[in-house]
Amino acid sequence: MLDTMKNTARQSLTDTLTDLGRAMDEQRAVTIAYADADEAPSIRTIEIHDIVTGGDDGAVFVQSMDRLSGNFRGFRADRIQIYITLDEPYVLDAPTVPLPVRFTAHTEKEFVALELERD
């Protein structure tokens, strides 16, 4: 079953992260429209392995295997513009480097608690 396309400008970051967390738990690929720091757009299909907060500004990163490059990448959640969860299982090997565990949130409740703690 294919999910519907979601526009992040029309929903809260919490809703977006909940959907992405669910895709991670179910190990379903997600296609995203993403804008990098220079606002250059790209379309990526990713396999999410973690969602973490970090950096000086407390940004949320979606740690994923990128099917286009085959590399492990972190995508800033606030730069994901549109996404759709696919009915496709993960096909790339998981990263061999341990994922960061600092500020890891696996549920919406944990994410909210971490954000409140950060503020």
PDB file of N, CA and C in Angstrom:
ATOM      1  N   MET A   1       0.843  -1.191   0.000  1.00  0.00           N
ATOM      2  CA  MET A   1       0.000   0.000   0.000  1.00  0.00           C
ATOM      3  C   MET A   1       0.879   1.242   0.000  1.00  0.00           C
ATOM      4  N   LEU A   2       0.650   2.123  -0.913  1.00  0.00           N
ATOM      5  CA  LEU A   2       1.425   3.338  -1.056  1.00  0.00           C
ATOM      6  C   LEU A   2       0.789   4.455  -0.238  1.00  0.00           C
ATOM      7  N   ASP A   3       1.599   5.149   0.554  1.00  0.00           N
ATOM      8  CA  ASP A   3       1.103   6.295   1.314  1.00  0.00           C
ATOM      9  C   ASP A   3       0.911   7.490   0.377  1.00  0.00           C
ATOM     10  N   THR A   4       0.195   8.492   0.849  1.00  0.00           N
ATOM     11  CA  THR A   4       0.026   9.698   0.057  1.00  0.00           C
ATOM     12  C   THR A   4       1.207  10.632   0.279  1.00  0.00           C
ATOM     13  N   MET A   5       1.449  11.482  -0.706  1.00  0.00           N
ATOM     14  CA  MET A   5       2.532  12.446  -0.618  1.00  0.00           C
ATOM     15  C   MET A   5       2.177  13.483   0.447  1.00  0.00           C
ATOM     16  N   LYS A   6       3.148  13.834   1.259  1.00  0.00           N
ATOM     17  CA  LYS A   6       2.928  14.817   2.328  1.00  0.00           C
ATOM     18  C   LYS A   6       3.797  16.049   2.074  1.00  0.00           C
ATOM     19  N   ASN A   7       3.201  17.225   2.245  1.00  0.00           N
ATOM     20  CA  ASN A   7       3.899  18.490   2.115  1.00  0.00           C
ATOM     21  C   ASN A   7       4.208  18.985   3.519  1.00  0.00           C
ATOM     22  N   THR A   8       5.482  19.117   3.858  1.00  0.00           N
ATOM     23  CA  THR A   8       5.856  19.481   5.226  1.00  0.00           C
ATOM     24  C   THR A   8       5.445  20.902   5.598  1.00  0.00           C
ATOM     25  N   ALA A   9       5.194  21.747   4.612  1.00  0.00           N
ATOM     26  CA  ALA A   9       4.730  23.109   4.907  1.00  0.00           C
ATOM     27  C   ALA A   9       3.298  23.104   5.426  1.00  0.00           C
ATOM     28  N   ARG A  10       2.600  21.994   5.230  1.00  0.00           N
ATOM     29  CA  ARG A  10       1.195  21.911   5.643  1.00  0.00           C
ATOM     30  C   ARG A  10       0.988  21.081   6.901  1.00  0.00           C
ATOM     31  N   GLN A  11       2.064  20.707   7.550  1.00  0.00           N
ATOM     32  CA  GLN A  11       1.927  19.928   8.787  1.00  0.00           C
ATOM     33  C   GLN A  11       3.063  20.290   9.737  1.00  0.00           C
ATOM     34  N   SER A  12       2.940  19.873  10.970  1.00  0.00           N
ATOM     35  CA  SER A  12       3.965  20.183  11.969  1.00  0.00           C
ATOM     36  C   SER A  12       5.186  19.290  11.780  1.00  0.00           C
ATOM     37  N   LEU A  13       6.308  19.751  12.297  1.00  0.00           N
ATOM     38  CA  LEU A  13       7.521  18.939  12.261  1.00  0.00           C
ATOM     39  C   LEU A  13       7.311  17.646  13.033  1.00  0.00           C
ATOM     40  N   THR A  14       6.550  17.705  14.107  1.00  0.00           N
ATOM     41  CA  THR A  14       6.256  16.505  14.890  1.00  0.00           C
ATOM     42  C   THR A  14       5.532  15.467  14.041  1.00  0.00           C
ATOM     43  N   ASP A  15       4.556  15.900  13.249  1.00  0.00           N
ATOM     44  CA  ASP A  15       3.841  14.965  12.370  1.00  0.00           C
ATOM     45  C   ASP A  15       4.785  14.356  11.333  1.00  0.00           C
ATOM     46  N   THR A  16       5.637  15.193  10.770  1.00  0.00           N
ATOM     47  CA  THR A  16       6.613  14.699   9.787  1.00  0.00           C
ATOM     48  C   THR A  16       7.525  13.662  10.422  1.00  0.00           C
ATOM     49  N   LEU A  17       8.067  13.969  11.595  1.00  0.00           N
ATOM     50  CA  LEU A  17       8.985  13.043  12.258  1.00  0.00           C
ATOM     51  C   LEU A  17       8.288  11.763  12.698  1.00  0.00           C
ATOM     52  N   THR A  18       7.027  11.870  13.064  1.00  0.00           N
ATOM     53  CA  THR A  18       6.266  10.672  13.414  1.00  0.00           C
ATOM     54  C   THR A  18       6.137   9.754  12.203  1.00  0.00           C
ATOM     55  N   ASP A  19       5.801  10.325  11.044  1.00  0.00           N
ATOM     56  CA  ASP A  19       5.699   9.532   9.820  1.00  0.00           C
ATOM     57  C   ASP A  19       7.035   8.913   9.442  1.00  0.00           C
ATOM     58  N   LEU A  20       8.113   9.698   9.530  1.00  0.00           N
ATOM     59  CA  LEU A  20       9.435   9.185   9.173  1.00  0.00           C
ATOM     60  C   LEU A  20       9.893   8.119  10.166  1.00  0.00           C
ATOM     61  N   GLY A  21       9.577   8.305  11.431  1.00  0.00           N
ATOM     62  CA  GLY A  21       9.904   7.302  12.442  1.00  0.00           C
ATOM     63  C   GLY A  21       9.163   5.997  12.201  1.00  0.00           C
ATOM     64  N   ARG A  22       7.919   6.101  11.781  1.00  0.00           N
ATOM     65  CA  ARG A  22       7.126   4.908  11.463  1.00  0.00           C
ATOM     66  C   ARG A  22       7.733   4.173  10.264  1.00  0.00           C
ATOM     67  N   ALA A  23       8.148   4.921   9.246  1.00  0.00           N
ATOM     68  CA  ALA A  23       8.794   4.310   8.081  1.00  0.00           C
ATOM     69  C   ALA A  23      10.077   3.598   8.500  1.00  0.00           C
ATOM     70  N   MET A  24      10.831   4.211   9.420  1.00  0.00           N
ATOM     71  CA  MET A  24      12.059   3.597   9.923  1.00  0.00           C
ATOM     72  C   MET A  24      11.728   2.298  10.664  1.00  0.00           C
ATOM     73  N   ASP A  25      10.745   2.341  11.535  1.00  0.00           N
ATOM     74  CA  ASP A  25      10.366   1.149  12.301  1.00  0.00           C
ATOM     75  C   ASP A  25       9.910   0.011  11.391  1.00  0.00           C
ATOM     76  N   GLU A  26       9.209   0.362  10.317  1.00  0.00           N
ATOM     77  CA  GLU A  26       8.706  -0.644   9.381  1.00  0.00           C
ATOM     78  C   GLU A  26       9.715  -0.982   8.288  1.00  0.00           C
ATOM     79  N   GLN A  27      10.870  -0.299   8.312  1.00  0.00           N
ATOM     80  CA  GLN A  27      11.937  -0.448   7.315  1.00  0.00           C
ATOM     81  C   GLN A  27      11.395  -0.315   5.899  1.00  0.00           C
ATOM     82  N   ARG A  28      10.666   0.805   5.692  1.00  0.00           N
ATOM     83  CA  ARG A  28      10.133   1.147   4.377  1.00  0.00           C
ATOM     84  C   ARG A  28      10.867   2.371   3.860  1.00  0.00           C
ATOM     85  N   ALA A  29      11.250   2.330   2.594  1.00  0.00           N
ATOM     86  CA  ALA A  29      11.952   3.450   1.967  1.00  0.00           C
ATOM     87  C   ALA A  29      11.032   4.669   1.882  1.00  0.00           C
ATOM     88  N   VAL A  30      11.658   5.837   1.856  1.00  0.00           N
ATOM     89  CA  VAL A  30      10.936   7.104   1.759  1.00  0.00           C
ATOM     90  C   VAL A  30      11.573   7.925   0.645  1.00  0.00           C
ATOM     91  N   THR A  31      10.761   8.474  -0.235  1.00  0.00           N
ATOM     92  CA  THR A  31      11.263   9.409  -1.242  1.00  0.00           C
ATOM     93  C   THR A  31      10.984  10.813  -0.742  1.00  0.00           C
ATOM     94  N   ILE A  32      12.025  11.665  -0.788  1.00  0.00           N
ATOM     95  CA  ILE A  32      11.912  13.034  -0.284  1.00  0.00           C
ATOM     96  C   ILE A  32      12.302  14.036  -1.365  1.00  0.00           C
ATOM     97  N   ALA A  33      11.671  15.191  -1.331  1.00  0.00           N
ATOM     98  CA  ALA A  33      12.134  16.376  -2.048  1.00  0.00           C
ATOM     99  C   ALA A  33      12.858  17.185  -0.984  1.00  0.00           C
ATOM    100  N   TYR A  34      14.122  17.491  -1.250  1.00  0.00           N
ATOM    101  CA  TYR A  34      15.001  18.054  -0.229  1.00  0.00           C
ATOM    102  C   TYR A  34      15.735  19.262  -0.791  1.00  0.00           C
ATOM    103  N   ALA A  35      15.940  20.271   0.034  1.00  0.00           N
ATOM    104  CA  ALA A  35      16.735  21.435  -0.346  1.00  0.00           C
ATOM    105  C   ALA A  35      17.960  21.489   0.556  1.00  0.00           C
ATOM    106  N   ASP A  36      19.159  21.508  -0.031  1.00  0.00           N
ATOM    107  CA  ASP A  36      20.373  21.555   0.783  1.00  0.00           C
ATOM    108  C   ASP A  36      20.582  22.968   1.334  1.00  0.00           C
ATOM    109  N   ALA A  37      21.716  23.197   1.995  1.00  0.00           N
ATOM    110  CA  ALA A  37      21.982  24.489   2.643  1.00  0.00           C
ATOM    111  C   ALA A  37      21.969  25.641   1.644  1.00  0.00           C
ATOM    112  N   ASP A  38      22.313  25.363   0.387  1.00  0.00           N
ATOM    113  CA  ASP A  38      22.295  26.392  -0.658  1.00  0.00           C
ATOM    114  C   ASP A  38      20.947  26.471  -1.362  1.00  0.00           C
ATOM    115  N   GLU A  39      19.961  25.755  -0.834  1.00  0.00           N
ATOM    116  CA  GLU A  39      18.607  25.684  -1.365  1.00  0.00           C
ATOM    117  C   GLU A  39      18.531  24.991  -2.718  1.00  0.00           C
ATOM    118  N   ALA A  40      19.552  24.200  -3.045  1.00  0.00           N
ATOM    119  CA  ALA A  40      19.520  23.410  -4.278  1.00  0.00           C
ATOM    120  C   ALA A  40      18.606  22.207  -4.050  1.00  0.00           C
ATOM    121  N   PRO A  41      17.596  22.050  -4.901  1.00  0.00           N
ATOM    122  CA  PRO A  41      16.645  20.949  -4.694  1.00  0.00           C
ATOM    123  C   PRO A  41      17.171  19.619  -5.220  1.00  0.00           C
ATOM    124  N   SER A  42      16.724  18.543  -4.596  1.00  0.00           N
ATOM    125  CA  SER A  42      17.022  17.207  -5.100  1.00  0.00           C
ATOM    126  C   SER A  42      15.912  16.264  -4.648  1.00  0.00           C
ATOM    127  N   ILE A  43      15.786  15.175  -5.377  1.00  0.00           N
ATOM    128  CA  ILE A  43      14.848  14.116  -5.028  1.00  0.00           C
ATOM    129  C   ILE A  43      15.693  12.918  -4.628  1.00  0.00           C
ATOM    130  N   ARG A  44      15.434  12.378  -3.461  1.00  0.00           N
ATOM    131  CA  ARG A  44      16.207  11.243  -2.941  1.00  0.00           C
ATOM    132  C   ARG A  44      15.256  10.184  -2.413  1.00  0.00           C
ATOM    133  N   THR A  45      15.650   8.932  -2.578  1.00  0.00           N
ATOM    134  CA  THR A  45      14.964   7.841  -1.895  1.00  0.00           C
ATOM    135  C   THR A  45      15.915   7.371  -0.821  1.00  0.00           C
ATOM    136  N   ILE A  46      15.418   7.354   0.407  1.00  0.00           N
ATOM    137  CA  ILE A  46      16.276   7.080   1.560  1.00  0.00           C
ATOM    138  C   ILE A  46      15.730   5.918   2.380  1.00  0.00           C
ATOM    139  N   GLU A  47      16.650   5.307   3.118  1.00  0.00           N
ATOM    140  CA  GLU A  47      16.315   4.257   4.073  1.00  0.00           C
ATOM    141  C   GLU A  47      16.768   4.764   5.435  1.00  0.00           C
ATOM    142  N   ILE A  48      15.813   5.112   6.291  1.00  0.00           N
ATOM    143  CA  ILE A  48      16.093   5.805   7.543  1.00  0.00           C
ATOM    144  C   ILE A  48      16.588   4.821   8.607  1.00  0.00           C
ATOM    145  N   HIS A  49      17.702   5.198   9.268  1.00  0.00           N
ATOM    146  CA  HIS A  49      18.263   4.365  10.328  1.00  0.00           C
ATOM    147  C   HIS A  49      18.211   5.031  11.698  1.00  0.00           C
ATOM    148  N   ASP A  50      18.022   6.345  11.732  1.00  0.00           N
ATOM    149  CA  ASP A  50      17.929   7.029  13.025  1.00  0.00           C
ATOM    150  C   ASP A  50      17.420   8.448  12.795  1.00  0.00           C
ATOM    151  N   ILE A  51      16.852   9.024  13.827  1.00  0.00           N
ATOM    152  CA  ILE A  51      16.447  10.419  13.827  1.00  0.00           C
ATOM    153  C   ILE A  51      17.042  11.021  15.087  1.00  0.00           C
ATOM    154  N   VAL A  52      17.900  12.041  14.903  1.00  0.00           N
ATOM    155  CA  VAL A  52      18.643  12.595  16.026  1.00  0.00           C
ATOM    156  C   VAL A  52      18.587  14.118  16.011  1.00  0.00           C
ATOM    157  N   THR A  53      18.794  14.710  17.171  1.00  0.00           N
ATOM    158  CA  THR A  53      18.977  16.154  17.250  1.00  0.00           C
ATOM    159  C   THR A  53      20.452  16.402  17.489  1.00  0.00           C
ATOM    160  N   GLY A  54      20.925  17.518  16.987  1.00  0.00           N
ATOM    161  CA  GLY A  54      22.343  17.821  17.175  1.00  0.00           C
ATOM    162  C   GLY A  54      22.698  19.169  16.592  1.00  0.00           C
ATOM    163  N   GLY A  55      23.977  19.461  16.615  1.00  0.00           N
ATOM    164  CA  GLY A  55      24.449  20.737  16.114  1.00  0.00           C
ATOM    165  C   GLY A  55      24.213  21.839  17.123  1.00  0.00           C
ATOM    166  N   ASP A  56      24.757  22.977  16.822  1.00  0.00           N
ATOM    167  CA  ASP A  56      24.625  24.125  17.726  1.00  0.00           C
ATOM    168  C   ASP A  56      23.195  24.640  17.814  1.00  0.00           C
ATOM    169  N   ASP A  57      22.433  24.444  16.740  1.00  0.00           N
ATOM    170  CA  ASP A  57      21.075  24.964  16.720  1.00  0.00           C
ATOM    171  C   ASP A  57      20.026  23.926  17.094  1.00  0.00           C
ATOM    172  N   GLY A  58      20.446  22.718  17.463  1.00  0.00           N
ATOM    173  CA  GLY A  58      19.500  21.677  17.861  1.00  0.00           C
ATOM    174  C   GLY A  58      18.678  21.133  16.715  1.00  0.00           C
ATOM    175  N   ALA A  59      19.189  21.221  15.494  1.00  0.00           N
ATOM    176  CA  ALA A  59      18.459  20.734  14.322  1.00  0.00           C
ATOM    177  C   ALA A  59      18.229  19.229  14.428  1.00  0.00           C
ATOM    178  N   VAL A  60      17.162  18.780  13.786  1.00  0.00           N
ATOM    179  CA  VAL A  60      16.833  17.360  13.753  1.00  0.00           C
ATOM    180  C   VAL A  60      17.359  16.791  12.443  1.00  0.00           C
ATOM    181  N   PHE A  61      18.084  15.681  12.526  1.00  0.00           N
ATOM    182  CA  PHE A  61      18.658  15.036  11.352  1.00  0.00           C
ATOM    183  C   PHE A  61      18.064  13.649  11.173  1.00  0.00           C
ATOM    184  N   VAL A  62      17.737  13.340   9.933  1.00  0.00           N
ATOM    185  CA  VAL A  62      17.239  12.023   9.559  1.00  0.00           C
ATOM    186  C   VAL A  62      18.445  11.274   8.990  1.00  0.00           C
ATOM    187  N   GLN A  63      19.011  10.370   9.781  1.00  0.00           N
ATOM    188  CA  GLN A  63      20.209   9.619   9.397  1.00  0.00           C
ATOM    189  C   GLN A  63      19.781   8.461   8.504  1.00  0.00           C
ATOM    190  N   SER A  64      20.251   8.447   7.263  1.00  0.00           N
ATOM    191  CA  SER A  64      19.717   7.524   6.274  1.00  0.00           C
ATOM    192  C   SER A  64      20.773   7.031   5.300  1.00  0.00           C
ATOM    193  N   MET A  65      20.477   5.882   4.716  1.00  0.00           N
ATOM    194  CA  MET A  65      21.211   5.435   3.535  1.00  0.00           C
ATOM    195  C   MET A  65      20.511   6.074   2.347  1.00  0.00           C
ATOM    196  N   ASP A  66      21.296   6.708   1.485  1.00  0.00           N
ATOM    197  CA  ASP A  66      20.780   7.402   0.312  1.00  0.00           C
ATOM    198  C   ASP A  66      20.921   6.469  -0.889  1.00  0.00           C
ATOM    199  N   ARG A  67      19.805   6.074  -1.481  1.00  0.00           N
ATOM    200  CA  ARG A  67      19.852   5.135  -2.600  1.00  0.00           C
ATOM    201  C   ARG A  67      20.542   5.720  -3.826  1.00  0.00           C
ATOM    202  N   LEU A  68      20.504   7.030  -4.011  1.00  0.00           N
ATOM    203  CA  LEU A  68      21.135   7.643  -5.179  1.00  0.00           C
ATOM    204  C   LEU A  68      22.657   7.515  -5.118  1.00  0.00           C
ATOM    205  N   SER A  69      23.234   7.841  -3.975  1.00  0.00           N
ATOM    206  CA  SER A  69      24.693   7.798  -3.834  1.00  0.00           C
ATOM    207  C   SER A  69      25.185   6.488  -3.224  1.00  0.00           C
ATOM    208  N   GLY A  70      24.304   5.789  -2.514  1.00  0.00           N
ATOM    209  CA  GLY A  70      24.715   4.575  -1.806  1.00  0.00           C
ATOM    210  C   GLY A  70      25.457   4.870  -0.512  1.00  0.00           C
ATOM    211  N   ASN A  71      25.446   6.135  -0.102  1.00  0.00           N
ATOM    212  CA  ASN A  71      26.167   6.557   1.094  1.00  0.00           C
ATOM    213  C   ASN A  71      25.229   6.826   2.254  1.00  0.00           C
ATOM    214  N   PHE A  72      25.801   6.792   3.459  1.00  0.00           N
ATOM    215  CA  PHE A  72      25.077   7.154   4.670  1.00  0.00           C
ATOM    216  C   PHE A  72      25.120   8.668   4.777  1.00  0.00           C
ATOM    217  N   ARG A  73      23.944   9.299   4.955  1.00  0.00           N
ATOM    218  CA  ARG A  73      23.843  10.755   5.010  1.00  0.00           C
ATOM    219  C   ARG A  73      22.873  11.182   6.086  1.00  0.00           C
ATOM    220  N   GLY A  74      23.092  12.393   6.554  1.00  0.00           N
ATOM    221  CA  GLY A  74      22.145  13.018   7.458  1.00  0.00           C
ATOM    222  C   GLY A  74      21.400  14.114   6.709  1.00  0.00           C
ATOM    223  N   PHE A  75      20.079  14.067   6.723  1.00  0.00           N
ATOM    224  CA  PHE A  75      19.252  15.082   6.083  1.00  0.00           C
ATOM    225  C   PHE A  75      18.570  15.896   7.177  1.00  0.00           C
ATOM    226  N   ARG A  76      18.722  17.214   7.123  1.00  0.00           N
ATOM    227  CA  ARG A  76      18.033  18.067   8.099  1.00  0.00           C
ATOM    228  C   ARG A  76      16.540  17.958   7.856  1.00  0.00           C
ATOM    229  N   ALA A  77      15.806  17.640   8.904  1.00  0.00           N
ATOM    230  CA  ALA A  77      14.361  17.444   8.776  1.00  0.00           C
ATOM    231  C   ALA A  77      13.655  18.705   8.290  1.00  0.00           C
ATOM    232  N   ASP A  78      14.143  19.875   8.693  1.00  0.00           N
ATOM    233  CA  ASP A  78      13.477  21.115   8.283  1.00  0.00           C
ATOM    234  C   ASP A  78      13.729  21.476   6.828  1.00  0.00           C
ATOM    235  N   ARG A  79      14.581  20.719   6.142  1.00  0.00           N
ATOM    236  CA  ARG A  79      14.831  20.954   4.714  1.00  0.00           C
ATOM    237  C   ARG A  79      14.110  19.938   3.825  1.00  0.00           C
ATOM    238  N   ILE A  80      13.405  18.995   4.454  1.00  0.00           N
ATOM    239  CA  ILE A  80      12.581  18.065   3.681  1.00  0.00           C
ATOM    240  C   ILE A  80      11.288  18.804   3.354  1.00  0.00           C
ATOM    241  N   GLN A  81      10.990  18.934   2.071  1.00  0.00           N
ATOM    242  CA  GLN A  81       9.831  19.711   1.649  1.00  0.00           C
ATOM    243  C   GLN A  81       8.602  18.843   1.394  1.00  0.00           C
ATOM    244  N   ILE A  82       8.813  17.708   0.769  1.00  0.00           N
ATOM    245  CA  ILE A  82       7.743  16.775   0.444  1.00  0.00           C
ATOM    246  C   ILE A  82       8.297  15.372   0.656  1.00  0.00           C
ATOM    247  N   TYR A  83       7.457  14.448   1.102  1.00  0.00           N
ATOM    248  CA  TYR A  83       7.911  13.069   1.248  1.00  0.00           C
ATOM    249  C   TYR A  83       6.760  12.114   1.031  1.00  0.00           C
ATOM    250  N   ILE A  84       7.120  10.894   0.699  1.00  0.00           N
ATOM    251  CA  ILE A  84       6.145   9.821   0.563  1.00  0.00           C
ATOM    252  C   ILE A  84       6.801   8.526   1.016  1.00  0.00           C
ATOM    253  N   THR A  85       6.122   7.793   1.872  1.00  0.00           N
ATOM    254  CA  THR A  85       6.615   6.496   2.323  1.00  0.00           C
ATOM    255  C   THR A  85       6.220   5.465   1.277  1.00  0.00           C
ATOM    256  N   LEU A  86       7.190   4.701   0.842  1.00  0.00           N
ATOM    257  CA  LEU A  86       6.975   3.714  -0.217  1.00  0.00           C
ATOM    258  C   LEU A  86       6.692   2.334   0.362  1.00  0.00           C
ATOM    259  N   ASP A  87       6.112   1.503  -0.446  1.00  0.00           N
ATOM    260  CA  ASP A  87       5.885   0.118  -0.060  1.00  0.00           C
ATOM    261  C   ASP A  87       7.069  -0.721  -0.567  1.00  0.00           C
ATOM    262  N   GLU A  88       8.270  -0.263  -0.213  1.00  0.00           N
ATOM    263  CA  GLU A  88       9.507  -0.926  -0.624  1.00  0.00           C
ATOM    264  C   GLU A  88      10.374  -1.150   0.610  1.00  0.00           C
ATOM    265  N   PRO A  89      10.837  -2.373   0.818  1.00  0.00           N
ATOM    266  CA  PRO A  89      11.720  -2.630   1.953  1.00  0.00           C
ATOM    267  C   PRO A  89      13.123  -2.066   1.693  1.00  0.00           C
ATOM    268  N   TYR A  90      13.906  -1.999   2.740  1.00  0.00           N
ATOM    269  CA  TYR A  90      15.297  -1.562   2.609  1.00  0.00           C
ATOM    270  C   TYR A  90      16.060  -2.540   1.725  1.00  0.00           C
ATOM    271  N   VAL A  91      16.952  -2.000   0.884  1.00  0.00           N
ATOM    272  CA  VAL A  91      17.771  -2.836   0.014  1.00  0.00           C
ATOM    273  C   VAL A  91      19.263  -2.593   0.203  1.00  0.00           C
ATOM    274  N   LEU A  92      19.630  -1.488   0.838  1.00  0.00           N
ATOM    275  CA  LEU A  92      21.035  -1.161   1.048  1.00  0.00           C
ATOM    276  C   LEU A  92      21.517  -1.729   2.377  1.00  0.00           C
ATOM    277  N   ASP A  93      22.800  -2.069   2.427  1.00  0.00           N
ATOM    278  CA  ASP A  93      23.383  -2.535   3.680  1.00  0.00           C
ATOM    279  C   ASP A  93      23.399  -1.392   4.685  1.00  0.00           C
ATOM    280  N   ALA A  94      23.116  -1.719   5.917  1.00  0.00           N
ATOM    281  CA  ALA A  94      23.140  -0.723   6.995  1.00  0.00           C
ATOM    282  C   ALA A  94      24.555  -0.191   7.156  1.00  0.00           C
ATOM    283  N   PRO A  95      24.700   1.024   7.640  1.00  0.00           N
ATOM    284  CA  PRO A  95      26.039   1.585   7.842  1.00  0.00           C
ATOM    285  C   PRO A  95      26.835   0.740   8.825  1.00  0.00           C
ATOM    286  N   THR A  96      28.128   0.632   8.569  1.00  0.00           N
ATOM    287  CA  THR A  96      28.979  -0.161   9.455  1.00  0.00           C
ATOM    288  C   THR A  96      29.494   0.653  10.633  1.00  0.00           C
ATOM    289  N   VAL A  97      29.427   1.963  10.528  1.00  0.00           N
ATOM    290  CA  VAL A  97      29.846   2.842  11.614  1.00  0.00           C
ATOM    291  C   VAL A  97      28.687   2.953  12.598  1.00  0.00           C
ATOM    292  N   PRO A  98      28.951   2.824  13.896  1.00  0.00           N
ATOM    293  CA  PRO A  98      27.849   2.957  14.861  1.00  0.00           C
ATOM    294  C   PRO A  98      27.165   4.307  14.714  1.00  0.00           C
ATOM    295  N   LEU A  99      25.862   4.291  14.784  1.00  0.00           N
ATOM    296  CA  LEU A  99      25.101   5.531  14.698  1.00  0.00           C
ATOM    297  C   LEU A  99      25.239   6.316  15.995  1.00  0.00           C
ATOM    298  N   PRO A 100      25.173   7.643  15.918  1.00  0.00           N
ATOM    299  CA  PRO A 100      25.233   8.431  17.153  1.00  0.00           C
ATOM    300  C   PRO A 100      24.041   8.112  18.042  1.00  0.00           C
ATOM    301  N   VAL A 101      24.294   8.057  19.338  1.00  0.00           N
ATOM    302  CA  VAL A 101      23.218   7.754  20.272  1.00  0.00           C
ATOM    303  C   VAL A 101      22.809   8.981  21.074  1.00  0.00           C
ATOM    304  N   ARG A 102      23.561  10.049  20.959  1.00  0.00           N
ATOM    305  CA  ARG A 102      23.255  11.269  21.680  1.00  0.00           C
ATOM    306  C   ARG A 102      21.964  11.881  21.164  1.00  0.00           C
ATOM    307  N   PHE A 103      21.036  12.143  22.049  1.00  0.00           N
ATOM    308  CA  PHE A 103      19.771  12.800  21.731  1.00  0.00           C
ATOM    309  C   PHE A 103      18.921  11.996  20.744  1.00  0.00           C
ATOM    310  N   THR A 104      18.918  10.701  20.850  1.00  0.00           N
ATOM    311  CA  THR A 104      18.126   9.877  19.950  1.00  0.00           C
ATOM    312  C   THR A 104      16.690   9.772  20.446  1.00  0.00           C
ATOM    313  N   ALA A 105      15.739   9.990  19.544  1.00  0.00           N
ATOM    314  CA  ALA A 105      14.316   9.858  19.872  1.00  0.00           C
ATOM    315  C   ALA A 105      13.706   8.809  18.958  1.00  0.00           C
ATOM    316  N   HIS A 106      13.071   7.812  19.558  1.00  0.00           N
ATOM    317  CA  HIS A 106      12.451   6.742  18.771  1.00  0.00           C
ATOM    318  C   HIS A 106      10.934   6.867  18.693  1.00  0.00           C
ATOM    319  N   THR A 107      10.376   7.704  19.516  1.00  0.00           N
ATOM    320  CA  THR A 107       8.928   7.911  19.501  1.00  0.00           C
ATOM    321  C   THR A 107       8.650   9.405  19.547  1.00  0.00           C
ATOM    322  N   GLU A 108       7.432   9.765  19.211  1.00  0.00           N
ATOM    323  CA  GLU A 108       7.043  11.170  19.278  1.00  0.00           C
ATOM    324  C   GLU A 108       7.189  11.695  20.705  1.00  0.00           C
ATOM    325  N   LYS A 109       6.804  10.895  21.680  1.00  0.00           N
ATOM    326  CA  LYS A 109       6.890  11.305  23.089  1.00  0.00           C
ATOM    327  C   LYS A 109       8.344  11.574  23.487  1.00  0.00           C
ATOM    328  N   GLU A 110       9.265  10.692  23.086  1.00  0.00           N
ATOM    329  CA  GLU A 110      10.681  10.900  23.391  1.00  0.00           C
ATOM    330  C   GLU A 110      11.206  12.153  22.697  1.00  0.00           C
ATOM    331  N   PHE A 111      10.776  12.377  21.448  1.00  0.00           N
ATOM    332  CA  PHE A 111      11.217  13.558  20.716  1.00  0.00           C
ATOM    333  C   PHE A 111      10.772  14.838  21.423  1.00  0.00           C
ATOM    334  N   VAL A 112       9.517  14.892  21.826  1.00  0.00           N
ATOM    335  CA  VAL A 112       8.992  16.072  22.523  1.00  0.00           C
ATOM    336  C   VAL A 112       9.764  16.284  23.830  1.00  0.00           C
ATOM    337  N   ALA A 113      10.022  15.203  24.556  1.00  0.00           N
ATOM    338  CA  ALA A 113      10.764  15.317  25.822  1.00  0.00           C
ATOM    339  C   ALA A 113      12.171  15.878  25.578  1.00  0.00           C
ATOM    340  N   LEU A 114      12.845  15.397  24.540  1.00  0.00           N
ATOM    341  CA  LEU A 114      14.185  15.904  24.222  1.00  0.00           C
ATOM    342  C   LEU A 114      14.144  17.370  23.820  1.00  0.00           C
ATOM    343  N   GLU A 115      13.134  17.740  23.041  1.00  0.00           N
ATOM    344  CA  GLU A 115      13.021  19.146  22.634  1.00  0.00           C
ATOM    345  C   GLU A 115      12.737  20.053  23.827  1.00  0.00           C
ATOM    346  N   LEU A 116      11.877  19.625  24.744  1.00  0.00           N
ATOM    347  CA  LEU A 116      11.593  20.420  25.943  1.00  0.00           C
ATOM    348  C   LEU A 116      12.826  20.539  26.817  1.00  0.00           C
ATOM    349  N   GLU A 117      13.577  19.439  26.903  1.00  0.00           N
ATOM    350  CA  GLU A 117      14.812  19.447  27.691  1.00  0.00           C
ATOM    351  C   GLU A 117      15.841  20.397  27.088  1.00  0.00           C
ATOM    352  N   ARG A 118      15.899  20.441  25.742  1.00  0.00           N
ATOM    353  CA  ARG A 118      16.854  21.307  25.038  1.00  0.00           C
ATOM    354  C   ARG A 118      16.526  22.771  25.258  1.00  0.00           C
ATOM    355  N   ASP A 119      15.237  23.097  25.291  1.00  0.00           N
ATOM    356  CA  ASP A 119      14.827  24.498  25.463  1.00  0.00           C
ATOM    357  C   ASP A 119      15.079  24.923  26.885  1.00  0.00           C
TER     358      ASP A 119
END
